[in-house]
């Protein structure tokens, strides 16, 4: 899962966004477990995953607002 650009996320359908969101949440969970066990190779991955999740949730929110109007 190497999605870094918001434009790539915007081009996805809602179903695809849901799949990417689920994968990002799973990855974040695994990274947090690794961090607790003090075996995290790159701490920046936590931040990247959190930002990806925030981007997806923001896009979903914007889409739902646009669908209502």
C-alpha atoms as a PDB file:
ATOM      1  CA  UNK A   1       0.000   0.000   0.000  1.00  0.00           C
ATOM      2  CA  UNK A   2       2.052   2.902  -1.310  1.00  0.00           C
ATOM      3  CA  UNK A   3      -0.503   5.683  -1.657  1.00  0.00           C
ATOM      4  CA  UNK A   4       1.039   8.994  -0.782  1.00  0.00           C
ATOM      5  CA  UNK A   5      -0.794  11.521  -2.891  1.00  0.00           C
ATOM      6  CA  UNK A   6      -4.217  12.864  -2.104  1.00  0.00           C
ATOM      7  CA  UNK A   7      -4.981  13.027  -5.821  1.00  0.00           C
ATOM      8  CA  UNK A   8      -4.631   9.235  -5.975  1.00  0.00           C
ATOM      9  CA  UNK A   9      -7.146   8.911  -3.158  1.00  0.00           C
ATOM     10  CA  UNK A  10      -9.575  11.311  -4.841  1.00  0.00           C
ATOM     11  CA  UNK A  11      -9.563   9.169  -7.982  1.00  0.00           C
ATOM     12  CA  UNK A  12     -10.676   6.103  -6.009  1.00  0.00           C
ATOM     13  CA  UNK A  13     -14.249   5.012  -5.568  1.00  0.00           C
ATOM     14  CA  UNK A  14     -15.851   4.958  -2.132  1.00  0.00           C
ATOM     15  CA  UNK A  15     -15.493   1.173  -1.971  1.00  0.00           C
ATOM     16  CA  UNK A  16     -11.792   1.388  -2.781  1.00  0.00           C
ATOM     17  CA  UNK A  17     -11.349   4.040  -0.099  1.00  0.00           C
ATOM     18  CA  UNK A  18     -12.991   1.742   2.431  1.00  0.00           C
ATOM     19  CA  UNK A  19     -10.552  -1.037   1.556  1.00  0.00           C
ATOM     20  CA  UNK A  20      -7.518   1.252   1.808  1.00  0.00           C
ATOM     21  CA  UNK A  21      -8.827   2.652   5.100  1.00  0.00           C
ATOM     22  CA  UNK A  22      -9.241  -0.837   6.539  1.00  0.00           C
ATOM     23  CA  UNK A  23      -5.717  -1.782   5.440  1.00  0.00           C
ATOM     24  CA  UNK A  24      -4.266   1.421   6.905  1.00  0.00           C
ATOM     25  CA  UNK A  25      -5.991   0.819  10.231  1.00  0.00           C
ATOM     26  CA  UNK A  26      -4.688  -2.758  10.338  1.00  0.00           C
ATOM     27  CA  UNK A  27      -1.185  -1.559   9.550  1.00  0.00           C
ATOM     28  CA  UNK A  28      -1.403   1.134  12.218  1.00  0.00           C
ATOM     29  CA  UNK A  29      -2.505  -1.462  14.752  1.00  0.00           C
ATOM     30  CA  UNK A  30       0.461  -3.706  13.903  1.00  0.00           C
ATOM     31  CA  UNK A  31       2.867  -0.771  14.071  1.00  0.00           C
ATOM     32  CA  UNK A  32       1.556   0.232  17.476  1.00  0.00           C
ATOM     33  CA  UNK A  33       2.061  -3.311  18.728  1.00  0.00           C
ATOM     34  CA  UNK A  34       5.611  -3.300  17.444  1.00  0.00           C
ATOM     35  CA  UNK A  35       6.241   0.070  19.103  1.00  0.00           C
ATOM     36  CA  UNK A  36       5.022  -1.301  22.427  1.00  0.00           C
ATOM     37  CA  UNK A  37       7.394  -4.226  22.109  1.00  0.00           C
ATOM     38  CA  UNK A  38      10.217  -1.803  21.255  1.00  0.00           C
ATOM     39  CA  UNK A  39      10.880  -3.435  17.904  1.00  0.00           C
ATOM     40  CA  UNK A  40       9.710  -0.681  15.568  1.00  0.00           C
ATOM     41  CA  UNK A  41      12.144  -0.246  12.681  1.00  0.00           C
ATOM     42  CA  UNK A  42      10.923   3.119  11.440  1.00  0.00           C
ATOM     43  CA  UNK A  43       8.852   5.260  13.809  1.00  0.00           C
ATOM     44  CA  UNK A  44       7.941   7.582  10.947  1.00  0.00           C
ATOM     45  CA  UNK A  45       5.641   4.871   9.582  1.00  0.00           C
ATOM     46  CA  UNK A  46       3.252   5.506  12.485  1.00  0.00           C
ATOM     47  CA  UNK A  47       2.928   9.147  11.510  1.00  0.00           C
ATOM     48  CA  UNK A  48       2.517   8.323   7.808  1.00  0.00           C
ATOM     49  CA  UNK A  49      -0.258   5.858   8.541  1.00  0.00           C
ATOM     50  CA  UNK A  50      -2.097   8.273  10.809  1.00  0.00           C
ATOM     51  CA  UNK A  51      -1.962  10.921   8.086  1.00  0.00           C
ATOM     52  CA  UNK A  52      -3.210   8.490   5.460  1.00  0.00           C
ATOM     53  CA  UNK A  53      -6.160   7.566   7.676  1.00  0.00           C
ATOM     54  CA  UNK A  54      -6.906  11.252   8.283  1.00  0.00           C
ATOM     55  CA  UNK A  55      -6.804  11.981   4.529  1.00  0.00           C
ATOM     56  CA  UNK A  56      -9.202   9.157   3.768  1.00  0.00           C
ATOM     57  CA  UNK A  57     -11.622  10.172   6.512  1.00  0.00           C
ATOM     58  CA  UNK A  58     -11.515  13.775   5.301  1.00  0.00           C
ATOM     59  CA  UNK A  59     -12.291  12.723   1.729  1.00  0.00           C
ATOM     60  CA  UNK A  60     -15.160  10.534   2.925  1.00  0.00           C
ATOM     61  CA  UNK A  61     -16.539  13.429   4.946  1.00  0.00           C
ATOM     62  CA  UNK A  62     -16.305  15.808   1.988  1.00  0.00           C
ATOM     63  CA  UNK A  63     -18.000  13.300  -0.302  1.00  0.00           C
ATOM     64  CA  UNK A  64     -20.866  12.776   2.122  1.00  0.00           C
ATOM     65  CA  UNK A  65     -21.346  16.556   2.442  1.00  0.00           C
ATOM     66  CA  UNK A  66     -21.347  16.992  -1.328  1.00  0.00           C
ATOM     67  CA  UNK A  67     -23.833  14.151  -1.739  1.00  0.00           C
ATOM     68  CA  UNK A  68     -26.277  15.875   0.620  1.00  0.00           C
ATOM     69  CA  UNK A  69     -26.259  19.141  -1.320  1.00  0.00           C
END
